[in-house]
Amino acid sequence: MGGAAACVPSAKEKQEAKLDENSKADRGPNPVDLHVGARVRMRRKFLGMSQEGLADTIDLTFQQVQKYERGSNRISASKLYEISRALKAPVSYFFEGYGESEGVEGFSESESEQFVHGFLMTTEGIELAEAFPRIRNAKHRRRILELVRALAEEDDTPDIVAR
């Protein structure tokens, strides 16, 4: 007699479910999804493939690839397998570097190391890491490094208002 009513969530249950959804949204992307997405992006860029090219290969829209790379959408196991084939990398490649320091007692990655790793995962970081070693002249490499240091110091100092 009252069996059907038991399947309908109460107002309180609906409110609790909504709170659970909101708290999930507030947390942001899962760190594993961020890492895997960044590795997809890095590998794609390394191969010189566009988001559109990858999307066409795995039968998605480039917007979906963008969401995967940002970590805002989770990549399913089957889709990660397709991506690994398209990017000519084993599935394990996309997890490399994640959680490796967790098992070592007393080890923690410094803020500087985290910053460098984060930079190397950006488009500019990838391009710089690929191009810099191709500069054969050691003097030119040193001059470029001096320029980068000077520009970085300039950004660290407050702007002086011209009169």
N, C-alpha and C. Protein backbone atom coordinates (compact mmCIF):
# COMPACT_ATOMS: atom_id res chain seq x y z
N MET A 1 0.82 -1.18 0.00
CA MET A 1 0.00 0.00 0.00
C MET A 1 0.86 1.25 0.00
N GLY A 2 1.81 1.37 0.89
CA GLY A 2 2.67 2.56 0.95
C GLY A 2 4.03 2.31 0.32
N GLY A 3 4.20 1.20 -0.46
CA GLY A 3 5.49 0.85 -1.03
C GLY A 3 6.02 1.87 -2.02
N ALA A 4 5.16 2.48 -2.81
CA ALA A 4 5.60 3.44 -3.83
C ALA A 4 6.14 4.71 -3.19
N ALA A 5 5.59 5.11 -2.07
CA ALA A 5 6.03 6.33 -1.40
C ALA A 5 7.45 6.19 -0.87
N ALA A 6 7.85 4.95 -0.55
CA ALA A 6 9.19 4.73 -0.02
C ALA A 6 10.27 5.01 -1.07
N CYS A 7 9.94 4.93 -2.36
CA CYS A 7 10.91 5.16 -3.44
C CYS A 7 11.10 6.63 -3.76
N VAL A 8 10.15 7.46 -3.36
CA VAL A 8 10.22 8.90 -3.65
C VAL A 8 11.02 9.57 -2.55
N PRO A 9 12.10 10.28 -2.91
CA PRO A 9 12.91 10.94 -1.87
C PRO A 9 12.14 12.06 -1.18
N SER A 10 12.35 12.19 0.11
CA SER A 10 11.70 13.26 0.86
C SER A 10 12.38 14.59 0.56
N ALA A 11 11.77 15.67 0.97
CA ALA A 11 12.35 17.00 0.76
C ALA A 11 13.72 17.08 1.44
N LYS A 12 13.82 16.49 2.65
CA LYS A 12 15.10 16.51 3.37
C LYS A 12 16.17 15.74 2.60
N GLU A 13 15.82 14.57 2.04
CA GLU A 13 16.77 13.79 1.27
C GLU A 13 17.21 14.53 0.00
N LYS A 14 16.25 15.23 -0.63
CA LYS A 14 16.58 16.02 -1.81
C LYS A 14 17.57 17.14 -1.45
N GLN A 15 17.34 17.80 -0.32
CA GLN A 15 18.22 18.89 0.12
C GLN A 15 19.62 18.35 0.43
N GLU A 16 19.69 17.19 1.10
CA GLU A 16 20.99 16.59 1.41
C GLU A 16 21.74 16.21 0.14
N ALA A 17 21.02 15.67 -0.85
CA ALA A 17 21.64 15.30 -2.12
C ALA A 17 22.18 16.54 -2.83
N LYS A 18 21.41 17.64 -2.76
CA LYS A 18 21.85 18.88 -3.39
C LYS A 18 23.11 19.41 -2.70
N LEU A 19 23.16 19.33 -1.38
CA LEU A 19 24.35 19.76 -0.64
C LEU A 19 25.56 18.92 -1.03
N ASP A 20 25.36 17.59 -1.19
CA ASP A 20 26.45 16.72 -1.61
C ASP A 20 26.96 17.13 -2.98
N GLU A 21 26.05 17.44 -3.92
CA GLU A 21 26.45 17.88 -5.26
C GLU A 21 27.23 19.18 -5.19
N ASN A 22 26.76 20.13 -4.38
CA ASN A 22 27.45 21.42 -4.26
C ASN A 22 28.84 21.25 -3.67
N SER A 23 28.97 20.40 -2.67
CA SER A 23 30.29 20.23 -2.04
C SER A 23 31.26 19.59 -3.03
N LYS A 24 30.76 18.72 -3.91
CA LYS A 24 31.62 18.13 -4.94
C LYS A 24 32.08 19.21 -5.91
N ALA A 25 31.17 20.10 -6.28
CA ALA A 25 31.51 21.17 -7.22
C ALA A 25 32.51 22.13 -6.61
N ASP A 26 32.40 22.38 -5.32
CA ASP A 26 33.30 23.32 -4.65
C ASP A 26 34.73 22.79 -4.57
N ARG A 27 34.87 21.49 -4.58
CA ARG A 27 36.19 20.90 -4.43
C ARG A 27 37.04 21.05 -5.68
N GLY A 28 36.46 21.20 -6.82
CA GLY A 28 37.21 21.33 -8.06
C GLY A 28 37.62 19.98 -8.60
N PRO A 29 38.41 19.99 -9.67
CA PRO A 29 38.82 18.74 -10.31
C PRO A 29 39.68 17.87 -9.39
N ASN A 30 39.56 16.57 -9.58
CA ASN A 30 40.36 15.61 -8.84
C ASN A 30 41.82 15.75 -9.27
N PRO A 31 42.77 15.70 -8.34
CA PRO A 31 44.19 15.84 -8.69
C PRO A 31 44.68 14.82 -9.73
N VAL A 32 44.13 13.60 -9.69
CA VAL A 32 44.52 12.59 -10.68
C VAL A 32 44.05 13.02 -12.06
N ASP A 33 42.82 13.53 -12.15
CA ASP A 33 42.29 13.99 -13.43
C ASP A 33 43.11 15.17 -13.98
N LEU A 34 43.53 16.07 -13.09
CA LEU A 34 44.38 17.19 -13.50
C LEU A 34 45.71 16.69 -14.06
N HIS A 35 46.31 15.73 -13.36
CA HIS A 35 47.60 15.19 -13.77
C HIS A 35 47.49 14.47 -15.12
N VAL A 36 46.51 13.59 -15.24
CA VAL A 36 46.33 12.84 -16.48
C VAL A 36 46.03 13.80 -17.63
N GLY A 37 45.17 14.78 -17.40
CA GLY A 37 44.86 15.76 -18.44
C GLY A 37 46.07 16.55 -18.88
N ALA A 38 46.90 16.94 -17.92
CA ALA A 38 48.12 17.68 -18.24
C ALA A 38 49.09 16.82 -19.05
N ARG A 39 49.16 15.54 -18.72
CA ARG A 39 50.04 14.63 -19.46
C ARG A 39 49.51 14.40 -20.89
N VAL A 40 48.18 14.35 -21.05
CA VAL A 40 47.59 14.25 -22.39
C VAL A 40 48.00 15.48 -23.19
N ARG A 41 47.84 16.65 -22.59
CA ARG A 41 48.17 17.89 -23.28
C ARG A 41 49.65 17.95 -23.65
N MET A 42 50.51 17.58 -22.70
CA MET A 42 51.94 17.63 -22.95
C MET A 42 52.32 16.69 -24.10
N ARG A 43 51.79 15.49 -24.09
CA ARG A 43 52.12 14.52 -25.14
C ARG A 43 51.58 15.00 -26.48
N ARG A 44 50.37 15.52 -26.50
CA ARG A 44 49.77 16.01 -27.74
C ARG A 44 50.61 17.14 -28.31
N LYS A 45 51.01 18.09 -27.45
CA LYS A 45 51.82 19.22 -27.90
C LYS A 45 53.19 18.74 -28.39
N PHE A 46 53.76 17.78 -27.68
CA PHE A 46 55.06 17.25 -28.07
C PHE A 46 55.01 16.65 -29.47
N LEU A 47 53.90 16.02 -29.81
CA LEU A 47 53.74 15.42 -31.13
C LEU A 47 53.33 16.44 -32.18
N GLY A 48 53.05 17.68 -31.74
CA GLY A 48 52.63 18.72 -32.68
C GLY A 48 51.21 18.54 -33.16
N MET A 49 50.40 17.86 -32.37
CA MET A 49 49.01 17.59 -32.73
C MET A 49 48.10 18.64 -32.10
N SER A 50 47.14 19.12 -32.86
CA SER A 50 46.18 20.09 -32.33
C SER A 50 45.10 19.37 -31.53
N GLN A 51 44.35 20.13 -30.75
CA GLN A 51 43.21 19.55 -30.03
C GLN A 51 42.20 19.00 -31.03
N GLU A 52 42.01 19.72 -32.13
CA GLU A 52 41.09 19.27 -33.17
C GLU A 52 41.54 17.94 -33.77
N GLY A 53 42.86 17.82 -34.00
CA GLY A 53 43.40 16.59 -34.56
C GLY A 53 43.19 15.40 -33.65
N LEU A 54 43.46 15.59 -32.36
CA LEU A 54 43.23 14.52 -31.40
C LEU A 54 41.74 14.19 -31.32
N ALA A 55 40.91 15.23 -31.29
CA ALA A 55 39.46 15.03 -31.20
C ALA A 55 38.95 14.21 -32.38
N ASP A 56 39.41 14.55 -33.58
CA ASP A 56 38.98 13.80 -34.77
C ASP A 56 39.39 12.34 -34.69
N THR A 57 40.61 12.11 -34.21
CA THR A 57 41.15 10.75 -34.12
C THR A 57 40.35 9.88 -33.15
N ILE A 58 39.87 10.48 -32.06
CA ILE A 58 39.16 9.69 -31.04
C ILE A 58 37.66 9.96 -31.05
N ASP A 59 37.18 10.61 -32.12
CA ASP A 59 35.75 10.83 -32.34
C ASP A 59 35.09 11.64 -31.22
N LEU A 60 35.71 12.79 -30.92
CA LEU A 60 35.17 13.73 -29.94
C LEU A 60 35.20 15.13 -30.52
N THR A 61 34.67 16.10 -29.79
CA THR A 61 34.81 17.50 -30.17
C THR A 61 36.09 18.03 -29.52
N PHE A 62 36.65 19.09 -30.10
CA PHE A 62 37.86 19.65 -29.49
C PHE A 62 37.55 20.23 -28.12
N GLN A 63 36.29 20.65 -27.90
CA GLN A 63 35.91 21.18 -26.58
C GLN A 63 36.01 20.08 -25.51
N GLN A 64 35.66 18.86 -25.89
CA GLN A 64 35.76 17.74 -24.94
C GLN A 64 37.23 17.47 -24.62
N VAL A 65 38.09 17.55 -25.63
CA VAL A 65 39.53 17.36 -25.40
C VAL A 65 40.03 18.45 -24.46
N GLN A 66 39.57 19.69 -24.66
CA GLN A 66 39.96 20.80 -23.76
C GLN A 66 39.57 20.47 -22.32
N LYS A 67 38.36 19.98 -22.14
CA LYS A 67 37.89 19.65 -20.78
C LYS A 67 38.71 18.53 -20.17
N TYR A 68 39.08 17.54 -20.98
CA TYR A 68 39.94 16.46 -20.49
C TYR A 68 41.29 17.02 -20.05
N GLU A 69 41.87 17.87 -20.89
CA GLU A 69 43.20 18.41 -20.61
C GLU A 69 43.20 19.30 -19.38
N ARG A 70 42.11 20.01 -19.14
CA ARG A 70 42.02 20.87 -17.94
C ARG A 70 41.68 20.06 -16.69
N GLY A 71 41.26 18.82 -16.89
CA GLY A 71 40.88 17.98 -15.76
C GLY A 71 39.47 18.24 -15.28
N SER A 72 38.71 19.07 -16.01
CA SER A 72 37.34 19.36 -15.57
C SER A 72 36.39 18.22 -15.91
N ASN A 73 36.75 17.38 -16.89
CA ASN A 73 36.00 16.16 -17.19
C ASN A 73 36.93 14.97 -17.03
N ARG A 74 36.42 13.96 -16.38
CA ARG A 74 37.20 12.74 -16.15
C ARG A 74 37.24 11.90 -17.42
N ILE A 75 38.40 11.33 -17.72
CA ILE A 75 38.57 10.48 -18.91
C ILE A 75 38.26 9.04 -18.51
N SER A 76 37.33 8.40 -19.24
CA SER A 76 37.00 7.00 -18.95
C SER A 76 38.19 6.11 -19.35
N ALA A 77 38.20 4.90 -18.84
CA ALA A 77 39.27 3.96 -19.14
C ALA A 77 39.34 3.68 -20.64
N SER A 78 38.20 3.47 -21.28
CA SER A 78 38.20 3.16 -22.71
C SER A 78 38.68 4.37 -23.53
N LYS A 79 38.29 5.57 -23.12
CA LYS A 79 38.71 6.77 -23.85
C LYS A 79 40.21 7.01 -23.64
N LEU A 80 40.71 6.75 -22.43
CA LEU A 80 42.15 6.90 -22.17
C LEU A 80 42.94 5.92 -23.03
N TYR A 81 42.40 4.74 -23.22
CA TYR A 81 43.04 3.75 -24.09
C TYR A 81 43.10 4.29 -25.53
N GLU A 82 42.01 4.86 -26.02
CA GLU A 82 41.98 5.44 -27.37
C GLU A 82 42.98 6.59 -27.48
N ILE A 83 43.02 7.44 -26.45
CA ILE A 83 43.95 8.57 -26.44
C ILE A 83 45.39 8.06 -26.47
N SER A 84 45.67 7.03 -25.68
CA SER A 84 47.04 6.49 -25.64
C SER A 84 47.46 5.97 -27.01
N ARG A 85 46.54 5.36 -27.73
CA ARG A 85 46.85 4.86 -29.08
C ARG A 85 47.06 6.03 -30.04
N ALA A 86 46.21 7.05 -29.94
CA ALA A 86 46.32 8.22 -30.83
C ALA A 86 47.62 8.98 -30.58
N LEU A 87 48.04 9.02 -29.31
CA LEU A 87 49.25 9.77 -28.95
C LEU A 87 50.50 8.88 -28.87
N LYS A 88 50.33 7.61 -29.28
CA LYS A 88 51.45 6.66 -29.35
C LYS A 88 52.22 6.59 -28.03
N ALA A 89 51.46 6.39 -26.96
CA ALA A 89 52.07 6.28 -25.62
C ALA A 89 51.31 5.22 -24.84
N PRO A 90 51.99 4.49 -23.96
CA PRO A 90 51.26 3.52 -23.13
C PRO A 90 50.34 4.25 -22.15
N VAL A 91 49.28 3.61 -21.73
CA VAL A 91 48.34 4.21 -20.78
C VAL A 91 49.08 4.66 -19.52
N SER A 92 50.06 3.88 -19.09
CA SER A 92 50.81 4.21 -17.87
C SER A 92 51.52 5.56 -17.97
N TYR A 93 51.86 5.99 -19.19
CA TYR A 93 52.54 7.27 -19.39
C TYR A 93 51.76 8.41 -18.74
N PHE A 94 50.43 8.37 -18.83
CA PHE A 94 49.60 9.46 -18.36
C PHE A 94 49.56 9.56 -16.84
N PHE A 95 50.01 8.50 -16.17
CA PHE A 95 50.04 8.51 -14.70
C PHE A 95 51.46 8.71 -14.16
N GLU A 96 52.45 8.70 -15.04
CA GLU A 96 53.84 8.86 -14.60
C GLU A 96 54.01 10.15 -13.80
N GLY A 97 54.71 10.01 -12.69
CA GLY A 97 55.00 11.19 -11.87
C GLY A 97 53.93 11.51 -10.85
N TYR A 98 52.78 10.84 -10.94
CA TYR A 98 51.72 11.14 -9.97
C TYR A 98 51.89 10.26 -8.74
N GLY A 99 51.97 10.88 -7.58
CA GLY A 99 52.03 10.16 -6.32
C GLY A 99 53.32 9.42 -6.07
N GLU A 100 54.36 9.68 -6.85
CA GLU A 100 55.62 8.96 -6.66
C GLU A 100 56.32 9.32 -5.37
N SER A 101 56.14 10.54 -4.89
CA SER A 101 56.84 10.95 -3.68
C SER A 101 56.05 10.62 -2.41
N GLU A 102 54.82 10.12 -2.57
CA GLU A 102 53.99 9.86 -1.39
C GLU A 102 54.52 8.75 -0.50
N GLY A 103 55.21 7.76 -1.11
CA GLY A 103 55.67 6.63 -0.33
C GLY A 103 57.01 6.84 0.35
N VAL A 104 57.68 7.94 0.09
CA VAL A 104 59.01 8.18 0.63
C VAL A 104 58.89 9.06 1.87
N GLU A 105 59.23 8.49 3.01
CA GLU A 105 59.11 9.22 4.27
C GLU A 105 60.08 10.39 4.31
N GLY A 106 59.59 11.53 4.74
CA GLY A 106 60.43 12.70 4.90
C GLY A 106 60.65 13.49 3.61
N PHE A 107 60.11 13.00 2.48
CA PHE A 107 60.30 13.71 1.23
C PHE A 107 59.07 14.53 0.90
N SER A 108 59.31 15.77 0.52
CA SER A 108 58.22 16.58 -0.02
C SER A 108 58.81 17.48 -1.09
N GLU A 109 58.08 17.61 -2.18
CA GLU A 109 58.54 18.44 -3.28
C GLU A 109 58.48 19.89 -2.86
N SER A 110 59.55 20.62 -3.10
CA SER A 110 59.59 22.02 -2.70
C SER A 110 58.62 22.83 -3.55
N GLU A 111 58.30 24.01 -3.08
CA GLU A 111 57.42 24.91 -3.83
C GLU A 111 58.05 25.24 -5.18
N SER A 112 59.36 25.41 -5.18
CA SER A 112 60.08 25.72 -6.42
C SER A 112 59.95 24.57 -7.42
N GLU A 113 60.12 23.33 -6.94
CA GLU A 113 59.99 22.17 -7.82
C GLU A 113 58.57 22.07 -8.39
N GLN A 114 57.58 22.32 -7.54
CA GLN A 114 56.18 22.27 -7.99
C GLN A 114 55.93 23.35 -9.03
N PHE A 115 56.51 24.52 -8.84
CA PHE A 115 56.34 25.63 -9.78
C PHE A 115 56.97 25.28 -11.13
N VAL A 116 58.19 24.74 -11.09
CA VAL A 116 58.88 24.37 -12.34
C VAL A 116 58.09 23.29 -13.07
N HIS A 117 57.64 22.29 -12.35
CA HIS A 117 56.87 21.21 -12.97
C HIS A 117 55.59 21.77 -13.59
N GLY A 118 54.92 22.65 -12.86
CA GLY A 118 53.71 23.27 -13.38
C GLY A 118 53.98 24.07 -14.65
N PHE A 119 55.08 24.81 -14.65
CA PHE A 119 55.44 25.60 -15.84
C PHE A 119 55.74 24.70 -17.02
N LEU A 120 56.47 23.61 -16.77
CA LEU A 120 56.83 22.72 -17.87
C LEU A 120 55.61 22.02 -18.47
N MET A 121 54.50 22.05 -17.81
CA MET A 121 53.27 21.46 -18.34
C MET A 121 52.47 22.46 -19.17
N THR A 122 52.91 23.72 -19.23
CA THR A 122 52.21 24.73 -20.03
C THR A 122 52.72 24.71 -21.47
N THR A 123 51.98 25.33 -22.35
CA THR A 123 52.39 25.42 -23.75
C THR A 123 53.75 26.08 -23.88
N GLU A 124 53.94 27.21 -23.19
CA GLU A 124 55.22 27.91 -23.25
C GLU A 124 56.35 27.07 -22.69
N GLY A 125 56.07 26.38 -21.60
CA GLY A 125 57.09 25.53 -20.98
C GLY A 125 57.54 24.41 -21.90
N ILE A 126 56.57 23.79 -22.56
CA ILE A 126 56.89 22.71 -23.49
C ILE A 126 57.71 23.25 -24.66
N GLU A 127 57.28 24.38 -25.22
CA GLU A 127 57.99 24.96 -26.35
C GLU A 127 59.41 25.36 -25.96
N LEU A 128 59.55 25.97 -24.78
CA LEU A 128 60.87 26.38 -24.31
C LEU A 128 61.77 25.16 -24.09
N ALA A 129 61.22 24.14 -23.46
CA ALA A 129 62.00 22.93 -23.18
C ALA A 129 62.42 22.22 -24.47
N GLU A 130 61.62 22.34 -25.52
CA GLU A 130 61.99 21.73 -26.80
C GLU A 130 63.00 22.58 -27.55
N ALA A 131 62.81 23.90 -27.54
CA ALA A 131 63.64 24.79 -28.36
C ALA A 131 65.01 25.07 -27.74
N PHE A 132 65.07 25.28 -26.45
CA PHE A 132 66.32 25.70 -25.80
C PHE A 132 67.48 24.74 -26.07
N PRO A 133 67.30 23.43 -25.92
CA PRO A 133 68.43 22.52 -26.17
C PRO A 133 68.91 22.52 -27.62
N ARG A 134 68.07 23.00 -28.54
CA ARG A 134 68.46 23.03 -29.95
C ARG A 134 69.40 24.20 -30.25
N ILE A 135 69.54 25.12 -29.31
CA ILE A 135 70.50 26.23 -29.48
C ILE A 135 71.88 25.65 -29.17
N ARG A 136 72.69 25.50 -30.20
CA ARG A 136 73.97 24.81 -30.04
C ARG A 136 75.04 25.69 -29.42
N ASN A 137 74.96 26.97 -29.64
CA ASN A 137 75.99 27.89 -29.16
C ASN A 137 75.78 28.13 -27.65
N ALA A 138 76.74 27.68 -26.86
CA ALA A 138 76.65 27.81 -25.40
C ALA A 138 76.57 29.27 -24.96
N LYS A 139 77.28 30.14 -25.67
CA LYS A 139 77.25 31.56 -25.34
C LYS A 139 75.84 32.12 -25.54
N HIS A 140 75.19 31.73 -26.60
CA HIS A 140 73.82 32.18 -26.85
C HIS A 140 72.87 31.67 -25.76
N ARG A 141 73.03 30.42 -25.35
CA ARG A 141 72.18 29.86 -24.29
C ARG A 141 72.36 30.65 -22.99
N ARG A 142 73.63 30.96 -22.65
CA ARG A 142 73.89 31.75 -21.44
C ARG A 142 73.26 33.13 -21.53
N ARG A 143 73.36 33.77 -22.70
CA ARG A 143 72.79 35.11 -22.89
C ARG A 143 71.26 35.07 -22.75
N ILE A 144 70.66 34.04 -23.30
CA ILE A 144 69.20 33.89 -23.18
C ILE A 144 68.82 33.70 -21.71
N LEU A 145 69.58 32.89 -21.01
CA LEU A 145 69.32 32.68 -19.59
C LEU A 145 69.47 33.99 -18.80
N GLU A 146 70.49 34.77 -19.13
CA GLU A 146 70.68 36.08 -18.48
C GLU A 146 69.48 37.00 -18.77
N LEU A 147 68.99 36.98 -20.00
CA LEU A 147 67.83 37.80 -20.37
C LEU A 147 66.60 37.37 -19.58
N VAL A 148 66.38 36.07 -19.49
CA VAL A 148 65.22 35.56 -18.75
C VAL A 148 65.32 35.95 -17.27
N ARG A 149 66.51 35.80 -16.69
CA ARG A 149 66.70 36.20 -15.29
C ARG A 149 66.41 37.69 -15.10
N ALA A 150 66.93 38.52 -16.00
CA ALA A 150 66.72 39.97 -15.90
C ALA A 150 65.23 40.32 -16.01
N LEU A 151 64.54 39.67 -16.95
CA LEU A 151 63.11 39.93 -17.11
C LEU A 151 62.33 39.47 -15.88
N ALA A 152 62.73 38.34 -15.30
CA ALA A 152 62.06 37.83 -14.10
C ALA A 152 62.27 38.78 -12.92
N GLU A 153 63.49 39.31 -12.77
CA GLU A 153 63.77 40.27 -11.70
C GLU A 153 62.97 41.54 -11.91
N GLU A 154 62.87 41.97 -13.16
CA GLU A 154 62.10 43.17 -13.50
C GLU A 154 60.63 43.00 -13.09
N ASP A 155 60.09 41.79 -13.30
CA ASP A 155 58.70 41.52 -12.91
C ASP A 155 58.52 41.46 -11.40
N ASP A 156 59.60 41.16 -10.67
CA ASP A 156 59.53 41.07 -9.22
C ASP A 156 59.56 42.45 -8.55
N THR A 157 60.05 43.46 -9.26
CA THR A 157 60.13 44.79 -8.68
C THR A 157 58.87 45.58 -9.01
N PRO A 158 58.41 46.40 -8.07
CA PRO A 158 57.20 47.18 -8.34
C PRO A 158 57.45 48.20 -9.46
N ASP A 159 56.43 48.44 -10.24
CA ASP A 159 56.54 49.42 -11.32
C ASP A 159 56.72 50.82 -10.73
N ILE A 160 57.62 51.59 -11.35
CA ILE A 160 57.85 52.97 -10.92
C ILE A 160 57.04 53.86 -11.86
N VAL A 161 56.22 54.68 -11.29
CA VAL A 161 55.38 55.55 -12.08
C VAL A 161 56.22 56.68 -12.65
N ALA A 162 56.18 56.82 -13.97
CA ALA A 162 56.95 57.91 -14.63
C ALA A 162 56.27 59.23 -14.38
N ARG A 163 57.10 60.26 -14.22
CA ARG A 163 56.53 61.60 -13.97
C ARG A 163 56.69 62.47 -15.16
